[in-house]
Amino acid sequence: MHRKRWARLPIAAVCGLAAVAAAAPAAQAQYPDPDYPATHDQPCESAASLVRGIGASFQRTIQLGWGAEIIDPDPAPALAKGFGYEVCPAFKLAADGGTKKVTYSPAGSGAGRTAFGATNTAGSPRNLNVDFGGADEAPTPTQVANANEGPNLGSTADDGILHTLPIGQGAVAVNFRVPDGCQIPASGPRSLSRVKAEGFFRGLTAYDQWGELVGYSNIDASPGSGLTDAQCGGKKPARVVRFDNSGTTFLLKRYLDAAAGGAFDWSEASEGGTLANNAWPSATINAGENGNGPLLDLLNNQGANGGIGYADLGASRGRNFGWAYSGGTFTPDDRSFWVYMQQIATSSYVSPAKTNDQVGTKGARCLGVQYSNVPASTTASWFSVTGVPTPTDYPICGLTYALAWASPSAVGINSLSRAVGRRDYIGYMLDRPGLGTTPPGSQCDSTDSRYGKGQCKLPVNDYARLPASIFTIARAGMTQLDD
């Protein structure tokens, strides 16, 4: 249960910061927090030396941008920016005087849910060493109920309240690796229709050659390669996919299911279908990996015949899958790039990126996406939320979430300092008043001055900030995070 334990206490300045007046709704809780004692009621105050997160690899790039250290798989050191440098100096790098840190393990969306016991099996254990989770595939109603019930079935002693907090938006980029010695020299064919995308990933022979996917006249032999245009068009790209439980895969399959129009059921077991998250049709043409980074590395190694894969936009750019430009025009023999995908709603082709240039302005083209099935509260299930039918912006955008207990102590995490640390870090993600908010005029990619430090990190790391209506729901849920 969410417990209110302490009386309201006076305001004190900490971390060299004064409490900042918020432009949030008046009903929203602000620091000092009435649920914390005097030694824990301010931002950055008496947090644990280590705050742990685990979950979606889709969040890897933005967690780095927020100031987390990435641990296995695909490790990366924390960067000298974000949470510790803007809000809580104790969370700076040790070389800069920091004494605490946030870690995040991008082990997959399923790992984030499992850590909270948000599985299809009642009584699943919880990982009490984890302070927050990351998920792109939000827990289903059954999974939320099982998480809240906990492993002690039939007893209320370990009951909790799980919050699924939207923290940002990201785009799943579909990436081409054109075969060695071949090129797609025009910009128009650097696209994939919904029918061809669905047919290719399903393994249909009508869409298993480069010429069938982009048009035989649109893929050429590179000068001096010794190949012919016909040979390039006849090459069969590898279908490079995820073999682990992946929220990125979940978002792509939702698009493919809509693109199939009933001709094939791409829905997963969690949606009433029969296809496992890591299962693909026609496995003989699959090349698979675990994690977005390893998938892209494998895709880049498909030199002879090339390949088509997918990953979040930030990871794609990080593995050089942006468009190469020279003198203001794209490079014809660039062989690794993301492509325009066709909307389900309007048949328009849209890039996953605000700008295609590999070294251009970052940001996912998700800001105008219209989401369906949005619940009113973060304690409800967000599983059915989808942006695939959107008539604006990129059709394979999705929300990504932080999973957190309303009261960690209710589920057996008896560390107030850990509760403080994850409260502050999630508060930074969602611009908590007094913690993540910048003065009006810090506008990210919008004129809406409600968006502060944490949300402003999203576009510069190839994500997009939350839509205003969803941001309001997320902030309301964030204020319910207790001890």
Protein backbone atom coordinates (compact mmCIF):
# COMPACT_ATOMS: atom_id res chain seq x y z
CA MET A 1 0.00 0.00 0.00
CA HIS A 2 1.06 3.61 -0.57
CA ARG A 3 1.73 4.95 2.90
CA LYS A 4 1.87 8.53 4.18
CA ARG A 5 4.27 8.47 7.07
CA TRP A 6 5.46 11.93 7.95
CA ALA A 7 4.10 15.42 8.50
CA ARG A 8 4.95 18.36 6.26
CA LEU A 9 8.27 19.97 7.08
CA PRO A 10 9.82 23.38 6.37
CA ILE A 11 11.66 24.17 3.18
CA ALA A 12 15.44 24.03 3.16
CA ALA A 13 17.89 24.63 0.32
CA VAL A 14 20.06 21.67 -0.67
CA CYS A 15 22.58 20.81 -3.40
CA GLY A 16 23.17 24.52 -3.75
CA LEU A 17 19.69 24.83 -5.25
CA ALA A 18 16.73 26.76 -3.99
CA ALA A 19 13.31 25.30 -4.48
CA VAL A 20 12.01 26.39 -7.88
CA ALA A 21 8.45 27.54 -8.37
CA ALA A 22 6.77 25.25 -10.88
CA ALA A 23 4.58 25.98 -13.83
CA ALA A 24 2.74 22.73 -13.07
CA PRO A 25 -0.87 22.49 -11.91
CA ALA A 26 -1.38 23.87 -8.41
CA ALA A 27 -2.55 20.49 -7.07
CA GLN A 28 0.78 18.89 -7.87
CA ALA A 29 3.03 18.10 -4.91
CA GLN A 30 6.22 20.13 -4.66
CA TYR A 31 9.27 19.97 -2.44
CA PRO A 32 9.42 19.74 0.51
CA ASP A 33 7.68 16.38 0.31
CA PRO A 34 5.29 15.81 3.22
CA ASP A 35 5.99 12.07 3.11
CA TYR A 36 9.66 12.36 4.05
CA PRO A 37 11.44 13.26 7.29
CA ALA A 38 13.60 16.33 7.57
CA THR A 39 16.75 14.47 6.45
CA HIS A 40 15.09 13.24 3.24
CA ASP A 41 12.56 15.85 2.23
CA GLN A 42 14.62 17.86 -0.27
CA PRO A 43 16.02 17.10 -3.71
CA CYS A 44 19.34 15.20 -3.63
CA GLU A 45 19.20 14.79 0.13
CA SER A 46 20.30 11.55 1.81
CA ALA A 47 19.88 9.38 -1.28
CA ALA A 48 21.55 5.98 -1.48
CA SER A 49 25.02 5.73 -2.97
CA LEU A 50 23.65 3.46 -5.71
CA VAL A 51 20.30 3.60 -7.51
CA ARG A 52 19.73 0.63 -9.83
CA GLY A 53 17.59 0.35 -12.94
CA ILE A 54 17.05 -2.50 -15.40
CA GLY A 55 14.98 -2.90 -18.51
CA ALA A 56 14.48 -1.81 -22.10
CA SER A 57 17.52 -1.40 -24.35
CA PHE A 58 15.37 1.17 -26.15
CA GLN A 59 16.23 3.49 -23.23
CA ARG A 60 19.99 2.96 -23.33
CA THR A 61 20.88 6.21 -25.11
CA ILE A 62 18.57 8.43 -23.08
CA GLN A 63 19.60 6.87 -19.78
CA LEU A 64 23.15 7.85 -20.68
CA GLY A 65 21.90 11.34 -21.49
CA TRP A 66 20.17 11.54 -18.12
CA GLY A 67 23.40 10.57 -16.35
CA ALA A 68 23.16 6.82 -15.71
CA GLU A 69 26.07 4.44 -16.06
CA ILE A 70 25.25 1.59 -18.45
CA ILE A 71 26.16 -1.87 -17.20
CA ASP A 72 25.99 -5.25 -18.96
CA PRO A 73 24.88 -5.96 -21.58
CA ASP A 74 26.52 -3.47 -23.94
CA PRO A 75 28.19 -1.43 -21.16
CA ALA A 76 29.03 2.25 -21.36
CA PRO A 77 30.39 4.61 -18.70
CA ALA A 78 28.27 7.45 -17.39
CA LEU A 79 28.72 10.76 -19.16
CA ALA A 80 29.75 14.02 -17.53
CA LYS A 81 26.29 15.58 -17.84
CA GLY A 82 22.69 15.03 -16.84
CA PHE A 83 21.30 14.33 -13.37
CA GLY A 84 24.47 14.81 -11.34
CA TYR A 85 25.71 17.85 -13.20
CA GLU A 86 22.45 19.75 -13.35
CA VAL A 87 20.62 18.81 -10.17
CA CYS A 88 22.41 16.53 -7.69
CA PRO A 89 26.21 17.01 -7.61
CA ALA A 90 26.74 13.89 -5.52
CA PHE A 91 25.79 11.94 -8.67
CA LYS A 92 28.61 13.38 -10.77
CA LEU A 93 31.36 11.09 -12.00
CA ALA A 94 33.80 10.14 -9.26
CA ALA A 95 36.54 12.04 -11.11
CA ASP A 96 34.44 15.19 -10.68
CA GLY A 97 33.80 14.66 -6.99
CA GLY A 98 30.69 12.47 -7.12
CA THR A 99 30.08 9.91 -4.39
CA LYS A 100 26.90 8.27 -5.77
CA LYS A 101 25.66 6.94 -9.07
CA VAL A 102 22.69 5.65 -11.03
CA THR A 103 23.17 2.47 -13.04
CA TYR A 104 20.99 1.09 -15.78
CA SER A 105 21.19 -2.38 -17.33
CA PRO A 106 19.61 -2.46 -20.83
CA ALA A 107 18.71 -6.13 -20.56
CA GLY A 108 15.36 -5.89 -22.39
CA SER A 109 11.82 -4.73 -21.77
CA GLY A 110 10.95 -8.13 -20.28
CA ALA A 111 13.72 -7.78 -17.72
CA GLY A 112 12.18 -4.54 -16.48
CA ARG A 113 8.76 -6.10 -15.97
CA THR A 114 10.17 -9.27 -14.41
CA ALA A 115 12.08 -7.25 -11.81
CA PHE A 116 8.73 -6.02 -10.49
CA GLY A 117 6.96 -9.37 -10.69
CA ALA A 118 4.85 -7.98 -13.54
CA THR A 119 4.54 -11.33 -15.30
CA ASN A 120 1.69 -13.59 -16.38
CA THR A 121 2.37 -15.89 -13.42
CA ALA A 122 0.77 -15.01 -10.09
CA GLY A 123 3.23 -15.04 -7.22
CA SER A 124 6.28 -14.19 -9.33
CA PRO A 125 9.25 -13.02 -7.26
CA ARG A 126 10.36 -9.40 -7.25
CA ASN A 127 13.94 -8.24 -7.55
CA LEU A 128 14.26 -6.09 -4.46
CA ASN A 129 17.70 -4.87 -5.55
CA VAL A 130 16.13 -2.87 -8.40
CA ASP A 131 14.82 0.65 -7.78
CA PHE A 132 13.23 1.38 -11.16
CA GLY A 133 12.52 -0.52 -14.35
CA GLY A 134 12.42 0.39 -18.01
CA ALA A 135 9.77 -0.94 -20.39
CA ASP A 136 8.51 -0.25 -23.90
CA GLU A 137 5.96 -3.04 -23.73
CA ALA A 138 3.98 -1.80 -20.74
CA PRO A 139 2.61 -4.42 -18.30
CA THR A 140 -0.79 -5.86 -19.16
CA PRO A 141 -3.68 -5.59 -16.67
CA THR A 142 -2.93 -9.14 -15.48
CA GLN A 143 0.76 -8.32 -15.06
CA VAL A 144 -0.02 -5.15 -13.10
CA ALA A 145 -2.32 -7.14 -10.82
CA ASN A 146 0.29 -9.86 -10.28
CA ALA A 147 2.97 -7.27 -9.55
CA ASN A 148 0.76 -5.58 -6.97
CA GLU A 149 -0.21 -8.88 -5.32
CA GLY A 150 3.40 -10.00 -4.98
CA PRO A 151 4.81 -13.43 -4.21
CA ASN A 152 2.88 -13.82 -0.96
CA LEU A 153 -0.46 -14.86 -2.46
CA GLY A 154 -3.54 -14.43 -0.34
CA SER A 155 -1.86 -11.97 2.01
CA THR A 156 -1.80 -8.20 1.95
CA ALA A 157 1.52 -8.07 3.82
CA ASP A 158 3.58 -7.57 0.65
CA ASP A 159 0.99 -5.86 -1.57
CA GLY A 160 2.29 -2.93 -3.57
CA ILE A 161 1.13 -0.34 -6.08
CA LEU A 162 3.04 -0.38 -9.35
CA HIS A 163 3.26 2.82 -11.39
CA THR A 164 3.86 2.71 -15.15
CA LEU A 165 5.20 6.20 -15.81
CA PRO A 166 5.64 7.44 -19.38
CA ILE A 167 9.03 9.14 -19.55
CA GLY A 168 9.53 9.81 -23.25
CA GLN A 169 8.91 8.79 -26.83
CA GLY A 170 11.19 7.01 -29.24
CA ALA A 171 11.16 5.89 -32.86
CA VAL A 172 11.94 2.39 -34.12
CA ALA A 173 14.05 2.95 -37.22
CA VAL A 174 14.03 0.37 -40.02
CA ASN A 175 17.59 0.22 -41.30
CA PHE A 176 19.06 -0.82 -44.65
CA ARG A 177 22.52 -2.29 -45.13
CA VAL A 178 22.94 -2.24 -48.91
CA PRO A 179 25.19 -5.02 -50.30
CA ASP A 180 28.86 -4.31 -50.88
CA GLY A 181 29.40 -3.07 -54.40
CA CYS A 182 25.82 -1.82 -54.71
CA GLN A 183 24.06 1.46 -54.04
CA ILE A 184 20.64 3.10 -53.89
CA PRO A 185 21.66 6.47 -55.34
CA ALA A 186 18.33 8.33 -55.17
CA SER A 187 16.53 9.47 -52.02
CA GLY A 188 13.00 8.38 -53.04
CA PRO A 189 13.72 4.62 -53.02
CA ARG A 190 15.20 4.89 -49.55
CA SER A 191 11.78 3.97 -48.27
CA LEU A 192 9.74 0.87 -47.60
CA SER A 193 6.01 0.52 -48.10
CA ARG A 194 3.92 -1.04 -45.36
CA VAL A 195 3.03 -3.96 -47.63
CA LYS A 196 6.65 -4.67 -48.57
CA ALA A 197 7.86 -4.24 -44.99
CA GLU A 198 5.28 -6.71 -43.69
CA GLY A 199 5.98 -9.16 -46.52
CA PHE A 200 9.73 -8.98 -46.05
CA PHE A 201 9.66 -9.56 -42.30
CA ARG A 202 7.14 -12.36 -42.82
CA GLY A 203 9.54 -14.00 -45.28
CA LEU A 204 7.36 -13.88 -48.41
CA THR A 205 9.27 -14.78 -51.58
CA ALA A 206 7.61 -11.87 -53.41
CA TYR A 207 9.65 -9.50 -51.25
CA ASP A 208 12.96 -11.28 -50.67
CA GLN A 209 15.15 -9.46 -53.23
CA TRP A 210 16.43 -5.92 -53.14
CA GLY A 211 14.90 -5.17 -56.52
CA GLU A 212 11.49 -6.29 -55.31
CA LEU A 213 11.72 -4.07 -52.25
CA VAL A 214 13.03 -0.83 -53.78
CA GLY A 215 12.51 -1.38 -57.51
CA TYR A 216 15.08 -3.01 -59.81
CA SER A 217 15.81 0.33 -61.48
CA ASN A 218 16.64 1.92 -58.13
CA ILE A 219 19.50 -0.29 -56.95
CA ASP A 220 22.67 -0.05 -58.99
CA ALA A 221 26.14 -1.49 -59.06
CA SER A 222 28.69 0.93 -57.65
CA PRO A 223 31.28 2.13 -60.17
CA GLY A 224 34.25 -0.20 -60.26
CA SER A 225 32.56 -2.93 -58.18
CA GLY A 226 32.61 -5.52 -60.96
CA LEU A 227 28.90 -6.19 -60.38
CA THR A 228 25.95 -5.52 -62.65
CA ASP A 229 22.77 -3.68 -61.73
CA ALA A 230 20.83 -6.92 -62.20
CA GLN A 231 23.11 -8.76 -59.79
CA CYS A 232 22.54 -6.10 -57.14
CA GLY A 233 18.78 -6.18 -57.63
CA GLY A 234 18.70 -9.95 -57.33
CA LYS A 235 20.58 -10.17 -54.05
CA LYS A 236 18.52 -11.33 -51.08
CA PRO A 237 18.87 -9.19 -47.93
CA ALA A 238 19.15 -10.95 -44.59
CA ARG A 239 16.32 -10.26 -42.18
CA VAL A 240 18.22 -9.18 -39.06
CA VAL A 241 15.99 -9.34 -36.00
CA ARG A 242 16.02 -9.52 -32.22
CA PHE A 243 16.06 -12.99 -30.63
CA ASP A 244 15.55 -11.69 -27.08
CA ASN A 245 12.39 -10.33 -25.46
CA SER A 246 12.34 -6.80 -26.79
CA GLY A 247 10.06 -3.80 -26.55
CA THR A 248 11.56 -2.58 -29.83
CA THR A 249 10.36 -5.78 -31.47
CA PHE A 250 6.95 -5.35 -29.83
CA LEU A 251 6.54 -1.88 -31.36
CA LEU A 252 7.67 -3.04 -34.80
CA LYS A 253 5.29 -6.02 -34.75
CA ARG A 254 2.36 -3.77 -33.87
CA TYR A 255 3.10 -1.83 -37.04
CA LEU A 256 3.49 -5.02 -39.09
CA ASP A 257 0.19 -6.34 -37.73
CA ALA A 258 -1.61 -3.20 -38.87
CA ALA A 259 0.21 -3.35 -42.22
CA ALA A 260 -0.89 -6.97 -42.74
CA GLY A 261 -4.53 -5.91 -42.62
CA GLY A 262 -5.63 -9.29 -41.33
CA ALA A 263 -3.59 -11.35 -43.80
CA PHE A 264 -1.26 -12.47 -41.01
CA ASP A 265 -1.52 -12.28 -37.23
CA TRP A 266 1.58 -10.56 -35.86
CA SER A 267 0.09 -10.10 -32.40
CA GLU A 268 1.94 -11.63 -29.50
CA ALA A 269 0.63 -13.96 -26.83
CA SER A 270 0.25 -10.99 -24.47
CA GLU A 271 -2.24 -9.53 -26.98
CA GLY A 272 -4.16 -12.75 -27.48
CA GLY A 273 -2.05 -13.96 -30.42
CA THR A 274 0.23 -16.97 -30.69
CA LEU A 275 3.51 -15.40 -31.83
CA ALA A 276 6.22 -15.13 -29.17
CA ASN A 277 8.05 -11.80 -28.94
CA ASN A 278 11.31 -13.36 -30.14
CA ALA A 279 9.69 -15.66 -32.76
CA TRP A 280 9.67 -14.86 -36.47
CA PRO A 281 8.15 -16.54 -39.53
CA SER A 282 10.43 -18.33 -42.04
CA ALA A 283 13.32 -18.65 -39.64
CA THR A 284 15.67 -19.83 -42.42
CA ILE A 285 16.34 -16.25 -43.55
CA ASN A 286 16.79 -14.82 -40.08
CA ALA A 287 20.00 -13.45 -38.65
CA GLY A 288 19.41 -12.61 -35.01
CA GLU A 289 21.00 -11.00 -31.99
CA ASN A 290 20.14 -9.86 -28.48
CA GLY A 291 20.05 -6.10 -27.97
CA ASN A 292 19.81 -3.16 -30.35
CA GLY A 293 23.55 -2.49 -30.49
CA PRO A 294 24.56 -6.08 -31.28
CA LEU A 295 21.75 -6.31 -33.86
CA LEU A 296 23.07 -3.25 -35.67
CA ASP A 297 26.63 -4.59 -35.56
CA LEU A 298 25.38 -7.83 -37.10
CA LEU A 299 23.42 -5.91 -39.72
CA ASN A 300 26.50 -3.90 -40.68
CA ASN A 301 28.38 -7.15 -41.20
CA GLN A 302 25.94 -8.37 -43.89
CA GLY A 303 28.32 -7.27 -46.64
CA ALA A 304 27.71 -9.76 -49.45
CA ASN A 305 23.92 -9.61 -49.71
CA GLY A 306 23.09 -6.80 -47.32
CA GLY A 307 20.28 -6.88 -44.81
CA ILE A 308 17.35 -5.07 -43.25
CA GLY A 309 16.93 -4.68 -39.49
CA TYR A 310 15.54 -2.31 -36.91
CA ALA A 311 16.53 -0.52 -33.72
CA ASP A 312 15.75 2.66 -31.83
CA LEU A 313 16.81 5.83 -33.62
CA GLY A 314 19.51 6.75 -31.10
CA ALA A 315 21.20 3.36 -31.34
CA SER A 316 20.91 3.49 -35.13
CA ARG A 317 22.66 6.83 -35.36
CA GLY A 318 25.27 5.61 -32.86
CA ARG A 319 26.11 2.72 -35.23
CA ASN A 320 26.34 5.10 -38.24
CA PHE A 321 22.98 4.31 -39.81
CA GLY A 322 22.17 7.95 -40.55
CA TRP A 323 22.31 9.39 -44.04
CA ALA A 324 25.76 10.56 -45.20
CA TYR A 325 25.82 13.96 -46.87
CA SER A 326 28.52 15.76 -48.83
CA GLY A 327 28.12 19.30 -50.08
CA GLY A 328 24.47 19.39 -49.06
CA THR A 329 23.44 16.20 -50.89
CA PHE A 330 23.42 12.64 -49.65
CA THR A 331 26.22 10.32 -50.67
CA PRO A 332 24.97 7.86 -53.33
CA ASP A 333 27.15 4.93 -52.24
CA ASP A 334 26.30 5.24 -48.53
CA ARG A 335 25.23 1.71 -47.64
CA SER A 336 23.94 2.05 -44.04
CA PHE A 337 20.93 4.27 -43.40
CA TRP A 338 17.42 4.32 -41.96
CA VAL A 339 14.49 4.53 -44.37
CA TYR A 340 11.17 6.32 -44.68
CA MET A 341 8.24 4.13 -43.56
CA GLN A 342 4.67 4.38 -44.81
CA GLN A 343 1.95 5.51 -42.43
CA ILE A 344 -0.97 3.16 -41.93
CA ALA A 345 -3.44 6.05 -41.72
CA THR A 346 -2.54 8.18 -44.75
CA SER A 347 -0.05 6.21 -46.91
CA SER A 348 2.49 9.05 -46.51
CA TYR A 349 6.15 8.16 -46.10
CA VAL A 350 7.84 9.58 -43.00
CA SER A 351 11.38 9.47 -41.67
CA PRO A 352 11.97 8.37 -38.06
CA ALA A 353 14.28 11.38 -37.64
CA LYS A 354 13.70 15.12 -37.57
CA THR A 355 16.65 15.38 -39.98
CA ASN A 356 18.23 12.48 -41.86
CA ASP A 357 21.79 13.78 -41.90
CA GLN A 358 23.93 11.50 -39.74
CA VAL A 359 25.58 14.55 -38.16
CA GLY A 360 22.51 16.80 -38.32
CA THR A 361 20.04 17.93 -35.68
CA LYS A 362 18.95 14.99 -33.54
CA GLY A 363 15.44 14.11 -32.48
CA ALA A 364 12.77 11.54 -33.26
CA ARG A 365 9.84 12.59 -35.44
CA CYS A 366 7.30 11.64 -32.78
CA LEU A 367 6.20 14.93 -31.29
CA GLY A 368 2.90 15.04 -33.18
CA VAL A 369 2.04 11.34 -32.81
CA GLN A 370 -1.54 10.77 -31.66
CA TYR A 371 -1.78 7.88 -29.20
CA SER A 372 -4.87 5.75 -28.74
CA ASN A 373 -6.16 3.97 -25.61
CA VAL A 374 -4.40 6.25 -23.10
CA PRO A 375 -5.52 5.53 -19.51
CA ALA A 376 -6.20 8.24 -16.94
CA SER A 377 -3.71 7.04 -14.33
CA THR A 378 -0.22 5.55 -14.08
CA THR A 379 -1.53 2.82 -11.79
CA ALA A 380 -3.59 1.43 -14.69
CA SER A 381 -2.19 -0.71 -17.50
CA TRP A 382 -0.70 1.20 -20.46
CA PHE A 383 -0.30 -1.96 -22.51
CA SER A 384 -2.91 -1.07 -25.15
CA VAL A 385 -1.53 2.40 -25.84
CA THR A 386 -0.42 2.64 -29.48
CA GLY A 387 0.73 5.28 -31.94
CA VAL A 388 0.59 3.07 -35.05
CA PRO A 389 -2.69 4.57 -36.41
CA THR A 390 -1.39 8.15 -36.10
CA PRO A 391 -2.07 10.42 -39.09
CA THR A 392 0.83 12.68 -38.11
CA ASP A 393 4.56 12.00 -37.81
CA TYR A 394 6.27 8.61 -37.80
CA PRO A 395 4.06 5.51 -37.42
CA ILE A 396 6.51 3.37 -35.42
CA CYS A 397 6.90 5.71 -32.47
CA GLY A 398 6.16 4.45 -29.00
CA LEU A 399 6.11 5.60 -25.41
CA THR A 400 8.78 4.26 -23.13
CA TYR A 401 8.13 3.87 -19.42
CA ALA A 402 9.70 3.84 -15.97
CA LEU A 403 8.28 1.21 -13.61
CA ALA A 404 8.33 2.17 -9.94
CA TRP A 405 6.66 1.23 -6.68
CA ALA A 406 4.49 3.86 -5.03
CA SER A 407 6.01 2.70 -1.74
CA PRO A 408 9.14 0.52 -1.92
CA SER A 409 8.89 -0.24 1.81
CA ALA A 410 5.46 -1.81 1.25
CA VAL A 411 7.05 -4.52 -0.91
CA GLY A 412 10.05 -5.10 1.35
CA ILE A 413 12.63 -2.56 0.12
CA ASN A 414 13.40 -1.09 3.50
CA SER A 415 15.78 1.65 2.42
CA LEU A 416 14.50 5.18 2.62
CA SER A 417 17.68 6.48 1.01
CA ARG A 418 17.16 4.25 -2.05
CA ALA A 419 13.56 5.47 -2.26
CA VAL A 420 14.84 9.05 -2.20
CA GLY A 421 17.40 8.36 -4.93
CA ARG A 422 14.96 6.80 -7.38
CA ARG A 423 12.34 9.47 -6.55
CA ASP A 424 14.81 12.20 -7.47
CA TYR A 425 16.07 10.44 -10.61
CA ILE A 426 12.57 9.78 -11.94
CA GLY A 427 11.66 13.32 -10.90
CA TYR A 428 14.52 14.55 -13.07
CA MET A 429 13.19 12.56 -16.04
CA LEU A 430 9.80 14.21 -15.60
CA ASP A 431 10.91 17.72 -14.58
CA ARG A 432 9.69 17.56 -10.99
CA PRO A 433 9.14 21.05 -9.56
CA GLY A 434 12.26 22.11 -7.71
CA LEU A 435 14.30 19.34 -9.29
CA GLY A 436 14.13 19.13 -13.07
CA THR A 437 12.49 22.39 -14.08
CA THR A 438 14.31 25.15 -15.93
CA PRO A 439 13.04 28.73 -16.11
CA PRO A 440 10.44 29.60 -18.77
CA GLY A 441 12.15 29.99 -22.11
CA SER A 442 13.93 26.63 -22.02
CA GLN A 443 11.70 25.34 -24.75
CA CYS A 444 13.30 22.10 -26.07
CA ASP A 445 11.59 21.63 -29.42
CA SER A 446 8.41 23.43 -28.36
CA THR A 447 7.17 26.75 -27.09
CA ASP A 448 5.73 25.00 -24.04
CA SER A 449 7.84 26.17 -21.10
CA ARG A 450 6.60 23.38 -18.81
CA TYR A 451 9.31 21.15 -20.20
CA GLY A 452 12.53 21.32 -18.24
CA LYS A 453 15.89 19.63 -17.89
CA GLY A 454 14.97 15.97 -18.05
CA GLN A 455 12.48 16.21 -20.92
CA CYS A 456 14.83 18.55 -22.79
CA LYS A 457 17.42 15.75 -22.91
CA LEU A 458 15.08 13.65 -25.05
CA PRO A 459 15.32 15.39 -28.47
CA VAL A 460 19.08 15.90 -28.27
CA ASN A 461 19.46 12.14 -27.72
CA ASP A 462 17.22 11.17 -30.66
CA TYR A 463 14.00 10.75 -28.72
CA ALA A 464 11.03 13.11 -28.32
CA ARG A 465 9.50 14.63 -25.23
CA LEU A 466 6.10 13.49 -24.05
CA PRO A 467 2.91 14.93 -25.55
CA ALA A 468 1.46 17.51 -23.17
CA SER A 469 -1.59 15.44 -22.15
CA ILE A 470 0.50 12.36 -21.37
CA PHE A 471 3.12 14.46 -19.60
CA THR A 472 0.40 15.71 -17.25
CA ILE A 473 -0.66 12.15 -16.36
CA ALA A 474 2.96 11.07 -15.85
CA ARG A 475 3.72 14.02 -13.57
CA ALA A 476 0.64 13.27 -11.47
CA GLY A 477 1.82 9.68 -11.04
CA MET A 478 5.35 10.79 -10.18
CA THR A 479 4.08 12.80 -7.19
CA GLN A 480 2.69 9.57 -5.72
CA LEU A 481 6.12 7.97 -5.36
CA ASP A 482 6.74 7.53 -1.66
CA ASP A 483 9.07 5.64 0.67
